[in-house]
PDB file of N, CA and C in Angstrom:
ATOM      1  N   MET A   1       0.834  -1.180   0.000  1.00  0.00           N
ATOM      2  CA  MET A   1       0.000   0.000   0.000  1.00  0.00           C
ATOM      3  C   MET A   1       0.882   1.247   0.000  1.00  0.00           C
ATOM      4  N   ARG A   2       0.540   2.165  -0.833  1.00  0.00           N
ATOM      5  CA  ARG A   2       1.241   3.450  -0.872  1.00  0.00           C
ATOM      6  C   ARG A   2       0.269   4.551  -0.492  1.00  0.00           C
ATOM      7  N   PRO A   3       0.713   5.485   0.331  1.00  0.00           N
ATOM      8  CA  PRO A   3      -0.171   6.605   0.665  1.00  0.00           C
ATOM      9  C   PRO A   3      -0.337   7.542  -0.525  1.00  0.00           C
ATOM     10  N   LEU A   4      -1.523   8.095  -0.648  1.00  0.00           N
ATOM     11  CA  LEU A   4      -1.817   9.095  -1.673  1.00  0.00           C
ATOM     12  C   LEU A   4      -1.927  10.435  -0.968  1.00  0.00           C
ATOM     13  N   TYR A   5      -1.331  11.469  -1.534  1.00  0.00           N
ATOM     14  CA  TYR A   5      -1.394  12.792  -0.918  1.00  0.00           C
ATOM     15  C   TYR A   5      -2.390  13.656  -1.669  1.00  0.00           C
ATOM     16  N   ASP A   6      -3.348  14.231  -0.945  1.00  0.00           N
ATOM     17  CA  ASP A   6      -4.334  15.144  -1.507  1.00  0.00           C
ATOM     18  C   ASP A   6      -3.845  16.565  -1.219  1.00  0.00           C
ATOM     19  N   GLU A   7      -3.332  17.237  -2.254  1.00  0.00           N
ATOM     20  CA  GLU A   7      -2.753  18.576  -2.062  1.00  0.00           C
ATOM     21  C   GLU A   7      -3.803  19.604  -1.654  1.00  0.00           C
ATOM     22  N   GLN A   8      -5.023  19.460  -2.155  1.00  0.00           N
ATOM     23  CA  GLN A   8      -6.069  20.424  -1.827  1.00  0.00           C
ATOM     24  C   GLN A   8      -6.462  20.312  -0.348  1.00  0.00           C
ATOM     25  N   LEU A   9      -6.650  19.083   0.156  1.00  0.00           N
ATOM     26  CA  LEU A   9      -7.044  18.880   1.552  1.00  0.00           C
ATOM     27  C   LEU A   9      -5.847  18.755   2.488  1.00  0.00           C
ATOM     28  N   ARG A  10      -4.656  18.668   1.922  1.00  0.00           N
ATOM     29  CA  ARG A  10      -3.409  18.550   2.694  1.00  0.00           C
ATOM     30  C   ARG A  10      -3.453  17.369   3.670  1.00  0.00           C
ATOM     31  N   ARG A  11      -3.772  16.201   3.105  1.00  0.00           N
ATOM     32  CA  ARG A  11      -3.799  14.996   3.933  1.00  0.00           C
ATOM     33  C   ARG A  11      -3.404  13.787   3.092  1.00  0.00           C
ATOM     34  N   TYR A  12      -3.013  12.749   3.807  1.00  0.00           N
ATOM     35  CA  TYR A  12      -2.634  11.486   3.176  1.00  0.00           C
ATOM     36  C   TYR A  12      -3.779  10.499   3.314  1.00  0.00           C
ATOM     37  N   GLN A  13      -3.846   9.589   2.363  1.00  0.00           N
ATOM     38  CA  GLN A  13      -4.889   8.573   2.375  1.00  0.00           C
ATOM     39  C   GLN A  13      -4.261   7.231   2.030  1.00  0.00           C
ATOM     40  N   ILE A  14      -4.624   6.203   2.783  1.00  0.00           N
ATOM     41  CA  ILE A  14      -4.200   4.839   2.484  1.00  0.00           C
ATOM     42  C   ILE A  14      -5.457   3.998   2.350  1.00  0.00           C
ATOM     43  N   ASN A  15      -5.630   3.353   1.199  1.00  0.00           N
ATOM     44  CA  ASN A  15      -6.775   2.477   0.974  1.00  0.00           C
ATOM     45  C   ASN A  15      -6.379   1.044   1.299  1.00  0.00           C
ATOM     46  N   SER A  16      -7.256   0.340   2.004  1.00  0.00           N
ATOM     47  CA  SER A  16      -7.007  -1.055   2.349  1.00  0.00           C
ATOM     48  C   SER A  16      -8.097  -1.935   1.742  1.00  0.00           C
ATOM     49  N   ALA A  17      -7.718  -2.747   0.776  1.00  0.00           N
ATOM     50  CA  ALA A  17      -8.669  -3.687   0.176  1.00  0.00           C
ATOM     51  C   ALA A  17      -9.024  -4.785   1.175  1.00  0.00           C
ATOM     52  N   ASP A  18      -8.114  -5.090   2.098  1.00  0.00           N
ATOM     53  CA  ASP A  18      -8.362  -6.139   3.092  1.00  0.00           C
ATOM     54  C   ASP A  18      -9.517  -5.780   4.023  1.00  0.00           C
ATOM     55  N   THR A  19      -9.608  -4.518   4.421  1.00  0.00           N
ATOM     56  CA  THR A  19     -10.639  -4.093   5.376  1.00  0.00           C
ATOM     57  C   THR A  19     -11.747  -3.274   4.721  1.00  0.00           C
ATOM     58  N   ASN A  20     -11.597  -2.972   3.432  1.00  0.00           N
ATOM     59  CA  ASN A  20     -12.538  -2.103   2.720  1.00  0.00           C
ATOM     60  C   ASN A  20     -12.678  -0.754   3.409  1.00  0.00           C
ATOM     61  N   GLU A  21     -11.547  -0.226   3.863  1.00  0.00           N
ATOM     62  CA  GLU A  21     -11.519   1.069   4.529  1.00  0.00           C
ATOM     63  C   GLU A  21     -10.396   1.915   3.967  1.00  0.00           C
ATOM     64  N   LYS A  22     -10.543   3.222   4.115  1.00  0.00           N
ATOM     65  CA  LYS A  22      -9.428   4.118   3.823  1.00  0.00           C
ATOM     66  C   LYS A  22      -9.089   4.847   5.110  1.00  0.00           C
ATOM     67  N   TYR A  23      -7.810   5.073   5.295  1.00  0.00           N
ATOM     68  CA  TYR A  23      -7.301   5.704   6.504  1.00  0.00           C
ATOM     69  C   TYR A  23      -6.750   7.069   6.120  1.00  0.00           C
ATOM     70  N   LEU A  24      -7.199   8.105   6.813  1.00  0.00           N
ATOM     71  CA  LEU A  24      -6.785   9.466   6.516  1.00  0.00           C
ATOM     72  C   LEU A  24      -5.830   9.959   7.595  1.00  0.00           C
ATOM     73  N   PHE A  25      -4.777  10.649   7.158  1.00  0.00           N
ATOM     74  CA  PHE A  25      -3.752  11.168   8.056  1.00  0.00           C
ATOM     75  C   PHE A  25      -3.503  12.628   7.733  1.00  0.00           C
ATOM     76  N   ASN A  26      -3.282  13.446   8.761  1.00  0.00           N
ATOM     77  CA  ASN A  26      -2.965  14.852   8.515  1.00  0.00           C
ATOM     78  C   ASN A  26      -1.515  14.979   8.079  1.00  0.00           C
ATOM     79  N   ASN A  27      -1.086  16.201   7.795  1.00  0.00           N
ATOM     80  CA  ASN A  27       0.281  16.400   7.294  1.00  0.00           C
ATOM     81  C   ASN A  27       1.339  16.146   8.370  1.00  0.00           C
ATOM     82  N   PHE A  28       0.920  15.876   9.620  1.00  0.00           N
ATOM     83  CA  PHE A  28       1.859  15.516  10.687  1.00  0.00           C
ATOM     84  C   PHE A  28       1.932  14.007  10.876  1.00  0.00           C
ATOM     85  N   GLY A  29       1.154  13.258  10.072  1.00  0.00           N
ATOM     86  CA  GLY A  29       1.168  11.807  10.164  1.00  0.00           C
ATOM     87  C   GLY A  29       0.212  11.239  11.192  1.00  0.00           C
ATOM     88  N   GLN A  30      -0.653  12.072  11.755  1.00  0.00           N
ATOM     89  CA  GLN A  30      -1.613  11.601  12.752  1.00  0.00           C
ATOM     90  C   GLN A  30      -2.873  11.074  12.065  1.00  0.00           C
ATOM     91  N   HIS A  31      -3.343   9.915  12.516  1.00  0.00           N
ATOM     92  CA  HIS A  31      -4.547   9.300  11.972  1.00  0.00           C
ATOM     93  C   HIS A  31      -5.739  10.178  12.344  1.00  0.00           C
ATOM     94  N   THR A  32      -6.459  10.709  11.361  1.00  0.00           N
ATOM     95  CA  THR A  32      -7.576  11.611  11.637  1.00  0.00           C
ATOM     96  C   THR A  32      -8.936  10.978  11.374  1.00  0.00           C
ATOM     97  N   ALA A  33      -8.992   9.939  10.540  1.00  0.00           N
ATOM     98  CA  ALA A  33     -10.283   9.318  10.255  1.00  0.00           C
ATOM     99  C   ALA A  33     -10.098   7.969   9.577  1.00  0.00           C
ATOM    100  N   THR A  34     -11.120   7.132   9.750  1.00  0.00           N
ATOM    101  CA  THR A  34     -11.246   5.876   9.021  1.00  0.00           C
ATOM    102  C   THR A  34     -12.588   5.940   8.310  1.00  0.00           C
ATOM    103  N   VAL A  35     -12.588   5.664   7.006  1.00  0.00           N
ATOM    104  CA  VAL A  35     -13.790   5.782   6.187  1.00  0.00           C
ATOM    105  C   VAL A  35     -14.038   4.460   5.470  1.00  0.00           C
ATOM    106  N   SER A  36     -15.299   4.020   5.434  1.00  0.00           N
ATOM    107  CA  SER A  36     -15.663   2.805   4.716  1.00  0.00           C
ATOM    108  C   SER A  36     -15.550   3.056   3.216  1.00  0.00           C
ATOM    109  N   LEU A  37     -14.846   2.166   2.517  1.00  0.00           N
ATOM    110  CA  LEU A  37     -14.752   2.290   1.060  1.00  0.00           C
ATOM    111  C   LEU A  37     -16.070   1.902   0.397  1.00  0.00           C
ATOM    112  N   LEU A  38     -16.874   1.090   1.075  1.00  0.00           N
ATOM    113  CA  LEU A  38     -18.130   0.628   0.495  1.00  0.00           C
ATOM    114  C   LEU A  38     -19.233   1.677   0.590  1.00  0.00           C
ATOM    115  N   SER A  39     -19.354   2.323   1.748  1.00  0.00           N
ATOM    116  CA  SER A  39     -20.454   3.272   1.953  1.00  0.00           C
ATOM    117  C   SER A  39     -20.023   4.733   1.909  1.00  0.00           C
ATOM    118  N   GLY A  40     -18.719   4.994   2.093  1.00  0.00           N
ATOM    119  CA  GLY A  40     -18.237   6.366   2.182  1.00  0.00           C
ATOM    120  C   GLY A  40     -18.476   6.979   3.549  1.00  0.00           C
ATOM    121  N   GLN A  41     -19.058   6.199   4.467  1.00  0.00           N
ATOM    122  CA  GLN A  41     -19.372   6.688   5.809  1.00  0.00           C
ATOM    123  C   GLN A  41     -18.123   6.683   6.683  1.00  0.00           C
ATOM    124  N   TYR A  42     -18.006   7.730   7.515  1.00  0.00           N
ATOM    125  CA  TYR A  42     -16.905   7.790   8.464  1.00  0.00           C
ATOM    126  C   TYR A  42     -17.155   6.761   9.562  1.00  0.00           C
ATOM    127  N   VAL A  43     -16.183   5.901   9.788  1.00  0.00           N
ATOM    128  CA  VAL A  43     -16.288   4.872  10.815  1.00  0.00           C
ATOM    129  C   VAL A  43     -15.748   5.424  12.138  1.00  0.00           C
ATOM    130  N   TYR A  44     -14.611   6.113  12.072  1.00  0.00           N
ATOM    131  CA  TYR A  44     -13.995   6.736  13.240  1.00  0.00           C
ATOM    132  C   TYR A  44     -13.426   8.093  12.856  1.00  0.00           C
ATOM    133  N   ASN A  45     -13.547   9.060  13.767  1.00  0.00           N
ATOM    134  CA  ASN A  45     -12.877  10.351  13.653  1.00  0.00           C
ATOM    135  C   ASN A  45     -11.992  10.511  14.875  1.00  0.00           C
ATOM    136  N   PHE A  46     -10.760  10.936  14.659  1.00  0.00           N
ATOM    137  CA  PHE A  46      -9.794  11.103  15.738  1.00  0.00           C
ATOM    138  C   PHE A  46      -9.510  12.593  15.907  1.00  0.00           C
ATOM    139  N   THR A  47      -9.567  13.080  17.147  1.00  0.00           N
ATOM    140  CA  THR A  47      -9.355  14.498  17.429  1.00  0.00           C
ATOM    141  C   THR A  47      -8.149  14.660  18.340  1.00  0.00           C
ATOM    142  N   TYR A  48      -7.304  15.633  18.006  1.00  0.00           N
ATOM    143  CA  TYR A  48      -6.085  15.912  18.762  1.00  0.00           C
ATOM    144  C   TYR A  48      -6.204  17.280  19.423  1.00  0.00           C
ATOM    145  N   ASN A  49      -5.463  17.493  20.507  1.00  0.00           N
ATOM    146  CA  ASN A  49      -5.592  18.746  21.259  1.00  0.00           C
ATOM    147  C   ASN A  49      -5.045  19.958  20.506  1.00  0.00           C
ATOM    148  N   ILE A  50      -4.063  19.773  19.661  1.00  0.00           N
ATOM    149  CA  ILE A  50      -3.544  20.857  18.828  1.00  0.00           C
ATOM    150  C   ILE A  50      -3.192  20.308  17.461  1.00  0.00           C
ATOM    151  N   ASP A  51      -3.211  21.154  16.464  1.00  0.00           N
ATOM    152  CA  ASP A  51      -2.903  20.739  15.101  1.00  0.00           C
ATOM    153  C   ASP A  51      -1.410  20.909  14.851  1.00  0.00           C
ATOM    154  N   SER A  52      -0.644  19.996  15.428  1.00  0.00           N
ATOM    155  CA  SER A  52       0.803  19.986  15.221  1.00  0.00           C
ATOM    156  C   SER A  52       1.306  18.580  15.484  1.00  0.00           C
ATOM    157  N   SER A  53       2.574  18.359  15.222  1.00  0.00           N
ATOM    158  CA  SER A  53       3.142  17.031  15.466  1.00  0.00           C
ATOM    159  C   SER A  53       3.178  16.702  16.949  1.00  0.00           C
ATOM    160  N   TYR A  54       2.971  17.700  17.811  1.00  0.00           N
ATOM    161  CA  TYR A  54       2.943  17.490  19.255  1.00  0.00           C
ATOM    162  C   TYR A  54       1.538  17.189  19.770  1.00  0.00           C
ATOM    163  N   GLY A  55       0.562  17.166  18.878  1.00  0.00           N
ATOM    164  CA  GLY A  55      -0.822  16.937  19.280  1.00  0.00           C
ATOM    165  C   GLY A  55      -1.006  15.575  19.922  1.00  0.00           C
ATOM    166  N   ARG A  56      -1.825  15.555  20.971  1.00  0.00           N
ATOM    167  CA  ARG A  56      -2.139  14.310  21.664  1.00  0.00           C
ATOM    168  C   ARG A  56      -3.610  13.979  21.421  1.00  0.00           C
ATOM    169  N   LEU A  57      -3.867  12.714  21.204  1.00  0.00           N
ATOM    170  CA  LEU A  57      -5.224  12.253  20.956  1.00  0.00           C
ATOM    171  C   LEU A  57      -6.116  12.586  22.154  1.00  0.00           C
ATOM    172  N   THR A  58      -7.248  13.269  21.905  1.00  0.00           N
ATOM    173  CA  THR A  58      -8.157  13.628  22.998  1.00  0.00           C
ATOM    174  C   THR A  58      -9.460  12.838  22.950  1.00  0.00           C
ATOM    175  N   HIS A  59      -9.935  12.516  21.743  1.00  0.00           N
ATOM    176  CA  HIS A  59     -11.107  11.651  21.672  1.00  0.00           C
ATOM    177  C   HIS A  59     -11.266  11.015  20.300  1.00  0.00           C
ATOM    178  N   VAL A  60     -12.027   9.916  20.320  1.00  0.00           N
ATOM    179  CA  VAL A  60     -12.356   9.172  19.108  1.00  0.00           C
ATOM    180  C   VAL A  60     -13.875   9.119  19.040  1.00  0.00           C
ATOM    181  N   THR A  61     -14.436   9.458  17.884  1.00  0.00           N
ATOM    182  CA  THR A  61     -15.874   9.393  17.689  1.00  0.00           C
ATOM    183  C   THR A  61     -16.153   8.307  16.656  1.00  0.00           C
ATOM    184  N   GLY A  62     -17.034   7.393  17.014  1.00  0.00           N
ATOM    185  CA  GLY A  62     -17.395   6.294  16.125  1.00  0.00           C
ATOM    186  C   GLY A  62     -18.766   6.500  15.519  1.00  0.00           C
ATOM    187  N   ILE A  63     -19.183   5.532  14.720  1.00  0.00           N
ATOM    188  CA  ILE A  63     -20.503   5.564  14.094  1.00  0.00           C
ATOM    189  C   ILE A  63     -21.559   5.710  15.187  1.00  0.00           C
ATOM    190  N   GLY A  64     -22.547   6.505  14.947  1.00  0.00           N
ATOM    191  CA  GLY A  64     -23.614   6.713  15.924  1.00  0.00           C
ATOM    192  C   GLY A  64     -23.282   7.746  16.972  1.00  0.00           C
ATOM    193  N   GLY A  65     -22.126   8.410  16.824  1.00  0.00           N
ATOM    194  CA  GLY A  65     -21.764   9.459  17.754  1.00  0.00           C
ATOM    195  C   GLY A  65     -21.164   8.985  19.069  1.00  0.00           C
ATOM    196  N   HIS A  66     -20.893   7.700  19.181  1.00  0.00           N
ATOM    197  CA  HIS A  66     -20.273   7.191  20.405  1.00  0.00           C
ATOM    198  C   HIS A  66     -18.866   7.746  20.521  1.00  0.00           C
ATOM    199  N   ARG A  67     -18.533   8.244  21.723  1.00  0.00           N
ATOM    200  CA  ARG A  67     -17.227   8.873  21.931  1.00  0.00           C
ATOM    201  C   ARG A  67     -16.428   8.178  23.013  1.00  0.00           C
ATOM    202  N   LEU A  68     -15.136   8.203  22.794  1.00  0.00           N
ATOM    203  CA  LEU A  68     -14.154   7.687  23.739  1.00  0.00           C
ATOM    204  C   LEU A  68     -13.197   8.842  23.998  1.00  0.00           C
ATOM    205  N   TYR A  69     -13.121   9.302  25.253  1.00  0.00           N
ATOM    206  CA  TYR A  69     -12.282  10.450  25.602  1.00  0.00           C
ATOM    207  C   TYR A  69     -10.997   9.982  26.261  1.00  0.00           C
ATOM    208  N   MET A  70      -9.873  10.575  25.875  1.00  0.00           N
ATOM    209  CA  MET A  70      -8.581  10.312  26.483  1.00  0.00           C
ATOM    210  C   MET A  70      -8.104  11.579  27.182  1.00  0.00           C
ATOM    211  N   THR A  71      -7.803  11.453  28.476  1.00  0.00           N
ATOM    212  CA  THR A  71      -7.301  12.583  29.245  1.00  0.00           C
ATOM    213  C   THR A  71      -6.003  12.162  29.911  1.00  0.00           C
ATOM    214  N   ARG A  72      -4.951  12.905  29.652  1.00  0.00           N
ATOM    215  CA  ARG A  72      -3.677  12.629  30.321  1.00  0.00           C
ATOM    216  C   ARG A  72      -3.662  13.374  31.644  1.00  0.00           C
ATOM    217  N   ARG A  73      -3.678  12.616  32.739  1.00  0.00           N
ATOM    218  CA  ARG A  73      -3.638  13.211  34.078  1.00  0.00           C
ATOM    219  C   ARG A  73      -2.207  13.557  34.472  1.00  0.00           C
ATOM    220  N   SER A  74      -1.262  12.845  33.871  1.00  0.00           N
ATOM    221  CA  SER A  74       0.166  13.096  34.096  1.00  0.00           C
ATOM    222  C   SER A  74       0.895  12.425  32.938  1.00  0.00           C
ATOM    223  N   GLU A  75       2.199  12.456  32.948  1.00  0.00           N
ATOM    224  CA  GLU A  75       2.965  11.802  31.884  1.00  0.00           C
ATOM    225  C   GLU A  75       2.821  10.284  31.922  1.00  0.00           C
ATOM    226  N   THR A  76       2.370   9.768  33.076  1.00  0.00           N
ATOM    227  CA  THR A  76       2.294   8.316  33.223  1.00  0.00           C
ATOM    228  C   THR A  76       0.870   7.782  33.395  1.00  0.00           C
ATOM    229  N   GLU A  77      -0.135   8.656  33.442  1.00  0.00           N
ATOM    230  CA  GLU A  77      -1.507   8.194  33.670  1.00  0.00           C
ATOM    231  C   GLU A  77      -2.451   8.781  32.635  1.00  0.00           C
ATOM    232  N   ILE A  78      -3.167   7.880  31.951  1.00  0.00           N
ATOM    233  CA  ILE A  78      -4.117   8.268  30.915  1.00  0.00           C
ATOM    234  C   ILE A  78      -5.484   7.700  31.279  1.00  0.00           C
ATOM    235  N   HIS A  79      -6.511   8.554  31.309  1.00  0.00           N
ATOM    236  CA  HIS A  79      -7.871   8.108  31.576  1.00  0.00           C
ATOM    237  C   HIS A  79      -8.607   7.988  30.244  1.00  0.00           C
ATOM    238  N   ILE A  80      -9.274   6.850  30.037  1.00  0.00           N
ATOM    239  CA  ILE A  80     -10.090   6.628  28.852  1.00  0.00           C
ATOM    240  C   ILE A  80     -11.526   6.519  29.350  1.00  0.00           C
ATOM    241  N   GLU A  81     -12.376   7.437  28.889  1.00  0.00           N
ATOM    242  CA  GLU A  81     -13.739   7.498  29.419  1.00  0.00           C
ATOM    243  C   GLU A  81     -14.784   7.429  28.317  1.00  0.00           C
ATOM    244  N   THR A  82     -15.877   6.764  28.643  1.00  0.00           N
ATOM    245  CA  THR A  82     -17.070   6.772  27.809  1.00  0.00           C
ATOM    246  C   THR A  82     -18.164   7.437  28.633  1.00  0.00           C
ATOM    247  N   ALA A  83     -19.375   7.457  28.124  1.00  0.00           N
ATOM    248  CA  ALA A  83     -20.474   8.054  28.877  1.00  0.00           C
ATOM    249  C   ALA A  83     -20.757   7.278  30.162  1.00  0.00           C
ATOM    250  N   SER A  84     -20.365   5.999  30.204  1.00  0.00           N
ATOM    251  CA  SER A  84     -20.733   5.182  31.356  1.00  0.00           C
ATOM    252  C   SER A  84     -19.572   4.540  32.113  1.00  0.00           C
ATOM    253  N   SER A  85     -18.337   4.702  31.670  1.00  0.00           N
ATOM    254  CA  SER A  85     -17.240   4.037  32.372  1.00  0.00           C
ATOM    255  C   SER A  85     -15.916   4.763  32.183  1.00  0.00           C
ATOM    256  N   LYS A  86     -14.944   4.362  33.024  1.00  0.00           N
ATOM    257  CA  LYS A  86     -13.610   4.937  32.925  1.00  0.00           C
ATOM    258  C   LYS A  86     -12.575   3.832  33.137  1.00  0.00           C
ATOM    259  N   THR A  87     -11.571   3.792  32.268  1.00  0.00           N
ATOM    260  CA  THR A  87     -10.442   2.879  32.378  1.00  0.00           C
ATOM    261  C   THR A  87      -9.194   3.726  32.540  1.00  0.00           C
ATOM    262  N   ILE A  88      -8.279   3.298  33.401  1.00  0.00           N
ATOM    263  CA  ILE A  88      -7.052   4.055  33.634  1.00  0.00           C
ATOM    264  C   ILE A  88      -5.859   3.237  33.145  1.00  0.00           C
ATOM    265  N   LEU A  89      -5.056   3.859  32.285  1.00  0.00           N
ATOM    266  CA  LEU A  89      -3.820   3.249  31.801  1.00  0.00           C
ATOM    267  C   LEU A  89      -2.650   3.910  32.501  1.00  0.00           C
ATOM    268  N   ARG A  90      -1.690   3.110  32.899  1.00  0.00           N
ATOM    269  CA  ARG A  90      -0.454   3.656  33.466  1.00  0.00           C
ATOM    270  C   ARG A  90       0.694   3.190  32.587  1.00  0.00           C
ATOM    271  N   VAL A  91       1.521   4.166  32.189  1.00  0.00           N
ATOM    272  CA  VAL A  91       2.642   3.877  31.302  1.00  0.00           C
ATOM    273  C   VAL A  91       3.952   4.221  32.001  1.00  0.00           C
ATOM    274  N   ASN A  92       5.007   3.592  31.524  1.00  0.00           N
ATOM    275  CA  ASN A  92       6.337   3.842  32.066  1.00  0.00           C
ATOM    276  C   ASN A  92       6.792   5.231  31.639  1.00  0.00           C
ATOM    277  N   ASN A  93       7.297   6.019  32.569  1.00  0.00           N
ATOM    278  CA  ASN A  93       7.713   7.384  32.280  1.00  0.00           C
ATOM    279  C   ASN A  93       8.907   7.424  31.322  1.00  0.00           C
ATOM    280  N   PHE A  94       9.733   6.395  31.341  1.00  0.00           N
ATOM    281  CA  PHE A  94      10.942   6.383  30.523  1.00  0.00           C
ATOM    282  C   PHE A  94      10.636   6.095  29.054  1.00  0.00           C
ATOM    283  N   ASP A  95       9.910   5.001  28.776  1.00  0.00           N
ATOM    284  CA  ASP A  95       9.702   4.592  27.387  1.00  0.00           C
ATOM    285  C   ASP A  95       8.238   4.596  26.940  1.00  0.00           C
ATOM    286  N   GLN A  96       7.321   5.046  27.822  1.00  0.00           N
ATOM    287  CA  GLN A  96       5.893   5.130  27.533  1.00  0.00           C
ATOM    288  C   GLN A  96       5.256   3.776  27.213  1.00  0.00           C
ATOM    289  N   MET A  97       5.882   2.681  27.653  1.00  0.00           N
ATOM    290  CA  MET A  97       5.306   1.351  27.482  1.00  0.00           C
ATOM    291  C   MET A  97       4.222   1.153  28.531  1.00  0.00           C
ATOM    292  N   LEU A  98       3.161   0.452  28.173  1.00  0.00           N
ATOM    293  CA  LEU A  98       2.052   0.209  29.076  1.00  0.00           C
ATOM    294  C   LEU A  98       2.500  -0.651  30.257  1.00  0.00           C
ATOM    295  N   GLU A  99       2.195  -0.184  31.472  1.00  0.00           N
ATOM    296  CA  GLU A  99       2.558  -0.922  32.685  1.00  0.00           C
ATOM    297  C   GLU A  99       1.351  -1.587  33.329  1.00  0.00           C
ATOM    298  N   SER A 100       0.185  -0.892  33.332  1.00  0.00           N
ATOM    299  CA  SER A 100      -1.000  -1.487  33.949  1.00  0.00           C
ATOM    300  C   SER A 100      -2.255  -0.860  33.392  1.00  0.00           C
ATOM    301  N   VAL A 101      -3.354  -1.613  33.575  1.00  0.00           N
ATOM    302  CA  VAL A 101      -4.679  -1.165  33.145  1.00  0.00           C
ATOM    303  C   VAL A 101      -5.619  -1.366  34.331  1.00  0.00           C
ATOM    304  N   GLN A 102      -6.316  -0.305  34.716  1.00  0.00           N
ATOM    305  CA  GLN A 102      -7.335  -0.428  35.772  1.00  0.00           C
ATOM    306  C   GLN A 102      -8.697  -0.336  35.098  1.00  0.00           C
ATOM    307  N   LEU A 103      -9.439  -1.424  35.145  1.00  0.00           N
ATOM    308  CA  LEU A 103     -10.737  -1.504  34.481  1.00  0.00           C
ATOM    309  C   LEU A 103     -11.822  -0.805  35.305  1.00  0.00           C
ATOM    310  N   PRO A 104     -12.969  -0.483  34.674  1.00  0.00           N
ATOM    311  CA  PRO A 104     -14.030   0.231  35.387  1.00  0.00           C
ATOM    312  C   PRO A 104     -14.525  -0.494  36.640  1.00  0.00           C
ATOM    313  N   ASP A 105     -14.479  -1.837  36.637  1.00  0.00           N
ATOM    314  CA  ASP A 105     -14.945  -2.587  37.810  1.00  0.00           C
ATOM    315  C   ASP A 105     -13.854  -2.731  38.876  1.00  0.00           C
ATOM    316  N   GLY A 106     -12.724  -2.048  38.664  1.00  0.00           N
ATOM    317  CA  GLY A 106     -11.622  -2.102  39.616  1.00  0.00           C
ATOM    318  C   GLY A 106     -10.634  -3.223  39.352  1.00  0.00           C
ATOM    319  N   GLY A 107     -10.955  -4.102  38.405  1.00  0.00           N
ATOM    320  CA  GLY A 107     -10.066  -5.206  38.059  1.00  0.00           C
ATOM    321  C   GLY A 107      -8.861  -4.744  37.284  1.00  0.00           C
ATOM    322  N   LYS A 108      -7.855  -5.605  37.227  1.00  0.00           N
ATOM    323  CA  LYS A 108      -6.639  -5.278  36.481  1.00  0.00           C
ATOM    324  C   LYS A 108      -6.302  -6.376  35.508  1.00  0.00           C
TER     325      LYS A 108
END
């Protein structure tokens, strides 16, 4: 697969015949959307806190308007929230590798 660059929209696109989806990326290489090749409908939209290479993912919106919010509480703690639950990820401060997951029911 080779990315296609749309000069007018200033974004990259990768089409996947395996998944029947196209993946859209901004000029910083951040995944901004997944679109169905069959229906043209947006499957996922990804939103970042700033439009730069330093942007951090803040939420993902799926079909039907369902949202998943990501909030960084610190460099090592990320909260992932939906309308009804919250999961906490803890990552290593040195290499940002995942260290633990705290599920909404308190399980790990």
